[in-house]
Each structure stands twice: as structure tokens, then as C-alpha cells.
Amino acid sequence: ELLSVEEADELVALDAALERLRTINPRGAEVVDHRFFAGLSLEEAAATLALSTKTVQRDWLAARAWLRAEIGPETGSTPLA
């Protein structure tokens, strides 16, 4: 199935924001990669990254909030809901 123009714009904005996040919070960006793109649970991401589940949860919440704040103004939406 093809993406709508709006969905494609959101993915482009997400990719750009994720690259910005990677420069200021590399571990948070890595957690987003594992959770959002690979679909791993908190526990699976923690095991993969050799971190505690609590640390991954904190990184996930912080990175997700940062990305929402970054992307919302660009697209008018709130991805990573």
C-alpha cells in the first residue's frame, strides 16, 4: 500500500528529527530505533542494548517527547503516539 502525501511528509519529518536527536541523545535515538522501527518491547530493547528496562523506559519517554515536540510543528501531527 502506498503512503499518502501526509504520511510521507510525516516519515520525512521523523527521519530528520531522529537524525537531530542522534546528535544530542544517541542512546535515546537508538532506543527509538529498537522500539518504533523494530517493534521491540521495553524488555527486548533493554536486553538488546544491555541496559536496564527502567533506563530504556526513561530514554524512550524522553526521546518520544522530544520527537513529538520537534515534529509536531513541522507536520501538524503527533507521531509516536
Protein backbone atom coordinates (compact mmCIF):
# COMPACT_ATOMS: atom_id res chain seq x y z
CA GLU A 1 0.00 0.00 0.00
CA LEU A 2 1.29 3.43 -0.92
CA LEU A 3 1.63 6.19 1.63
CA SER A 4 -0.46 9.31 1.42
CA VAL A 5 1.33 12.61 0.93
CA GLU A 6 0.71 13.44 4.60
CA GLU A 7 2.12 10.10 5.78
CA ALA A 8 5.18 10.52 3.56
CA ASP A 9 5.72 14.03 4.93
CA GLU A 10 5.49 12.69 8.49
CA LEU A 11 8.08 10.00 7.75
CA VAL A 12 10.47 12.53 6.24
CA ALA A 13 10.00 14.82 9.26
CA LEU A 14 10.50 11.88 11.63
CA ASP A 15 13.71 10.85 9.87
CA ALA A 16 15.10 14.39 10.01
CA ALA A 17 14.14 14.80 13.67
CA LEU A 18 15.62 11.40 14.53
CA GLU A 19 18.92 12.46 12.95
CA ARG A 20 18.90 15.64 15.07
CA LEU A 21 18.12 13.56 18.16
CA ARG A 22 21.00 11.23 17.30
CA THR A 23 23.43 14.15 17.65
CA ILE A 24 22.20 15.22 21.09
CA ASN A 25 20.97 11.90 22.54
CA PRO A 26 22.46 8.92 20.69
CA ARG A 27 21.18 6.33 23.14
CA GLY A 28 17.67 7.79 23.02
CA ALA A 29 17.74 7.61 19.23
CA GLU A 30 18.90 4.00 19.44
CA VAL A 31 16.02 3.18 21.76
CA VAL A 32 13.58 4.78 19.27
CA ASP A 33 15.09 2.64 16.51
CA HIS A 34 14.53 -0.52 18.54
CA ARG A 35 11.08 0.36 19.85
CA PHE A 36 9.48 2.17 16.90
CA PHE A 37 11.13 0.61 13.87
CA ALA A 38 11.99 -2.88 15.13
CA GLY A 39 8.88 -3.15 17.28
CA LEU A 40 10.74 -4.40 20.34
CA SER A 41 9.18 -4.24 23.79
CA LEU A 42 10.91 -2.30 26.54
CA GLU A 43 12.30 -5.55 27.89
CA GLU A 44 13.53 -6.74 24.47
CA ALA A 45 15.15 -3.38 23.73
CA ALA A 46 16.81 -3.41 27.15
CA ALA A 47 18.24 -6.88 26.56
CA THR A 48 19.45 -5.93 23.08
CA LEU A 49 21.10 -2.74 24.33
CA ALA A 50 22.43 -4.32 27.54
CA LEU A 51 20.58 -1.74 29.65
CA SER A 52 18.03 -1.99 32.41
CA THR A 53 14.39 -1.89 31.43
CA LYS A 54 13.95 1.23 33.56
CA THR A 55 16.76 3.01 31.69
CA VAL A 56 15.23 2.10 28.32
CA GLN A 57 11.83 3.26 29.55
CA ARG A 58 13.25 6.64 30.62
CA ASP A 59 15.16 7.02 27.34
CA TRP A 60 12.05 6.05 25.33
CA LEU A 61 9.81 8.55 27.12
CA ALA A 62 12.34 11.37 26.83
CA ALA A 63 13.14 10.68 23.17
CA ARG A 64 9.48 10.28 22.24
CA ALA A 65 8.56 13.58 23.92
CA TRP A 66 11.46 15.35 22.22
CA LEU A 67 10.50 13.95 18.81
CA ARG A 68 6.85 14.92 19.26
CA ALA A 69 7.88 18.48 20.11
CA GLU A 70 10.21 18.60 17.09
CA ILE A 71 7.87 17.02 14.56
CA GLY A 72 4.53 18.47 15.64
CA PRO A 73 5.25 21.98 14.33
CA GLU A 74 6.62 20.59 11.05
CA THR A 75 3.70 18.32 10.21
CA GLY A 76 0.84 19.43 12.40
CA SER A 77 0.61 15.90 13.79
CA THR A 78 1.96 13.93 16.71
CA PRO A 79 3.70 10.74 15.59
CA LEU A 80 4.93 8.09 18.00
CA ALA A 81 1.61 8.14 19.83
